[in-house]
Amino acid sequence: MQIHKYSEHEDIDAVMRAGEPMLAVISFDGKQAYMGHIDECMEHHILLTKTGMSGADIDKYFRIIFDNDGADWTFICPPDYKAITDRTRRVAAFYRDGFAVISAFLVELGLLVDIKIPKRYRRHIEALRDE
């Protein structure tokens, strides 16, 4: 995985080691990741733009906010994920793939932390339980 670290002013590795919150977007195939300090990037699409990518491509990435204690996954499954038309299968694939790719990213950074899906992003998963 190639990890691109964005920072305007600070040593991104030092900021991360200090436990500051970071944003990251990780390509669905796990080959590319972009990360930056949350105070400099503010939102995932802004992080993409600041790293020279198109902010409009946000739906091509897994999105997390993380620090030394854990990672929160902004769980938003695109309607065209892997061209899977069945919603249940699509969300299940997104869930399975996301945990694998996000875990690999965090391990490359030396972080063995929990990955959580905040309550406000669980509606896709909760809908699966209802089906």
Protein backbone atom coordinates (compact mmCIF):
# COMPACT_ATOMS: atom_id res chain seq x y z
CA MET A 1 0.00 0.00 0.00
CA GLN A 2 1.32 3.42 -0.93
CA ILE A 3 0.50 5.92 1.81
CA HIS A 4 0.58 9.62 0.91
CA LYS A 5 0.91 11.84 3.96
CA TYR A 6 -0.34 15.40 3.62
CA SER A 7 0.75 18.26 5.84
CA GLU A 8 1.07 21.99 5.27
CA HIS A 9 2.99 22.89 8.40
CA GLU A 10 3.88 19.97 10.63
CA ASP A 11 5.74 16.70 10.55
CA ILE A 12 2.80 14.37 9.99
CA ASP A 13 4.52 11.41 11.64
CA ALA A 14 5.24 13.43 14.79
CA VAL A 15 1.66 14.68 14.92
CA MET A 16 0.36 11.14 14.54
CA ARG A 17 2.68 9.78 17.24
CA ALA A 18 1.42 12.54 19.57
CA GLY A 19 -2.06 11.03 19.24
CA GLU A 20 -3.64 13.83 17.26
CA PRO A 21 -6.73 12.89 15.22
CA MET A 22 -6.06 12.10 11.59
CA LEU A 23 -8.21 11.67 8.49
CA ALA A 24 -7.56 8.98 5.92
CA VAL A 25 -9.06 7.78 2.68
CA ILE A 26 -8.04 4.35 1.43
CA SER A 27 -8.77 3.12 -2.07
CA PHE A 28 -11.13 0.18 -2.31
CA ASP A 29 -8.36 -1.99 -3.76
CA GLY A 30 -6.03 -1.08 -0.86
CA LYS A 31 -3.26 0.17 -3.14
CA GLN A 32 -3.41 3.89 -2.29
CA ALA A 33 -4.10 5.80 0.91
CA TYR A 34 -4.06 9.51 1.72
CA MET A 35 -3.89 10.86 5.22
CA GLY A 36 -3.60 14.19 6.98
CA HIS A 37 -4.21 15.97 10.27
CA ILE A 38 -7.90 16.64 10.82
CA ASP A 39 -7.28 20.33 11.64
CA GLU A 40 -5.58 20.88 8.27
CA CYS A 41 -7.95 18.82 6.13
CA MET A 42 -11.25 19.00 8.04
CA GLU A 43 -13.17 16.64 5.72
CA HIS A 44 -12.28 13.61 3.60
CA HIS A 45 -13.08 15.29 0.28
CA ILE A 46 -10.88 18.24 1.26
CA LEU A 47 -8.04 15.82 2.07
CA LEU A 48 -8.36 14.36 -1.43
CA THR A 49 -8.31 17.81 -3.01
CA LYS A 50 -5.29 18.93 -1.00
CA THR A 51 -3.38 15.83 -2.11
CA GLY A 52 -4.07 16.56 -5.78
CA MET A 53 -6.95 14.14 -6.18
CA SER A 54 -10.53 15.02 -7.09
CA GLY A 55 -12.77 15.56 -4.07
CA ALA A 56 -15.64 14.35 -6.29
CA ASP A 57 -14.08 10.86 -6.19
CA ILE A 58 -14.81 10.47 -2.47
CA ASP A 59 -17.06 7.45 -3.14
CA LYS A 60 -14.04 5.49 -4.37
CA TYR A 61 -12.49 5.34 -0.90
CA PHE A 62 -13.01 3.93 2.56
CA ARG A 63 -12.96 6.86 5.00
CA ILE A 64 -11.73 6.87 8.57
CA ILE A 65 -10.85 9.24 11.37
CA PHE A 66 -8.20 7.72 13.62
CA ASP A 67 -5.69 8.26 16.38
CA ASN A 68 -3.58 6.06 18.63
CA ASP A 69 -6.68 4.78 20.44
CA GLY A 70 -8.91 3.70 17.58
CA ALA A 71 -10.45 4.34 14.19
CA ASP A 72 -13.96 5.50 13.37
CA TRP A 73 -15.15 4.32 9.98
CA THR A 74 -17.43 6.67 8.07
CA PHE A 75 -19.46 3.76 6.69
CA ILE A 76 -21.09 4.99 3.49
CA CYS A 77 -21.55 2.24 0.91
CA PRO A 78 -21.82 3.65 -2.62
CA PRO A 79 -24.81 2.35 -4.61
CA ASP A 80 -22.46 1.13 -7.36
CA TYR A 81 -19.92 -0.64 -5.11
CA LYS A 82 -18.33 -3.44 -7.15
CA ALA A 83 -21.38 -3.26 -9.47
CA ILE A 84 -23.31 -5.43 -7.01
CA THR A 85 -26.99 -4.70 -7.62
CA ASP A 86 -28.41 -6.57 -4.62
CA ARG A 87 -28.28 -4.14 -1.70
CA THR A 88 -27.74 -6.79 0.97
CA ARG A 89 -24.84 -8.41 -0.88
CA ARG A 90 -23.35 -5.00 -1.74
CA VAL A 91 -23.34 -3.72 1.86
CA ALA A 92 -22.00 -7.06 3.13
CA ALA A 93 -19.14 -6.94 0.59
CA PHE A 94 -18.38 -3.31 1.50
CA TYR A 95 -18.30 -4.23 5.19
CA ARG A 96 -16.03 -7.25 4.67
CA ASP A 97 -13.67 -5.45 2.25
CA GLY A 98 -13.53 -2.32 4.37
CA PHE A 99 -12.40 -4.10 7.50
CA ALA A 100 -9.65 -5.89 5.57
CA VAL A 101 -8.35 -2.78 3.79
CA ILE A 102 -8.66 -0.42 6.77
CA SER A 103 -6.93 -2.94 9.05
CA ALA A 104 -4.05 -3.29 6.57
CA PHE A 105 -3.67 0.50 6.44
CA LEU A 106 -3.60 0.85 10.21
CA VAL A 107 -1.10 -1.99 10.60
CA GLU A 108 1.22 -0.34 8.06
CA LEU A 109 1.18 2.73 10.30
CA GLY A 110 2.02 0.56 13.31
CA LEU A 111 -1.44 0.91 14.85
CA LEU A 112 -3.24 -2.13 16.24
CA VAL A 113 -6.47 -0.42 17.25
CA ASP A 114 -10.20 -1.08 17.14
CA ILE A 115 -12.23 -0.07 14.11
CA LYS A 116 -15.65 1.25 15.05
CA ILE A 117 -18.60 2.33 12.99
CA PRO A 118 -20.20 5.28 14.80
CA LYS A 119 -23.94 5.01 15.42
CA ARG A 120 -24.83 7.66 12.84
CA TYR A 121 -23.25 5.49 10.09
CA ARG A 122 -24.81 2.17 11.09
CA ARG A 123 -28.07 2.57 9.17
CA HIS A 124 -26.81 0.43 6.27
CA ILE A 125 -25.83 -2.37 8.62
CA GLU A 126 -29.02 -2.10 10.64
CA ALA A 127 -31.03 -2.29 7.42
CA LEU A 128 -29.31 -5.62 6.69
CA ARG A 129 -30.55 -7.01 9.98
CA ASP A 130 -34.10 -6.05 9.06
CA GLU A 131 -33.98 -7.87 5.70
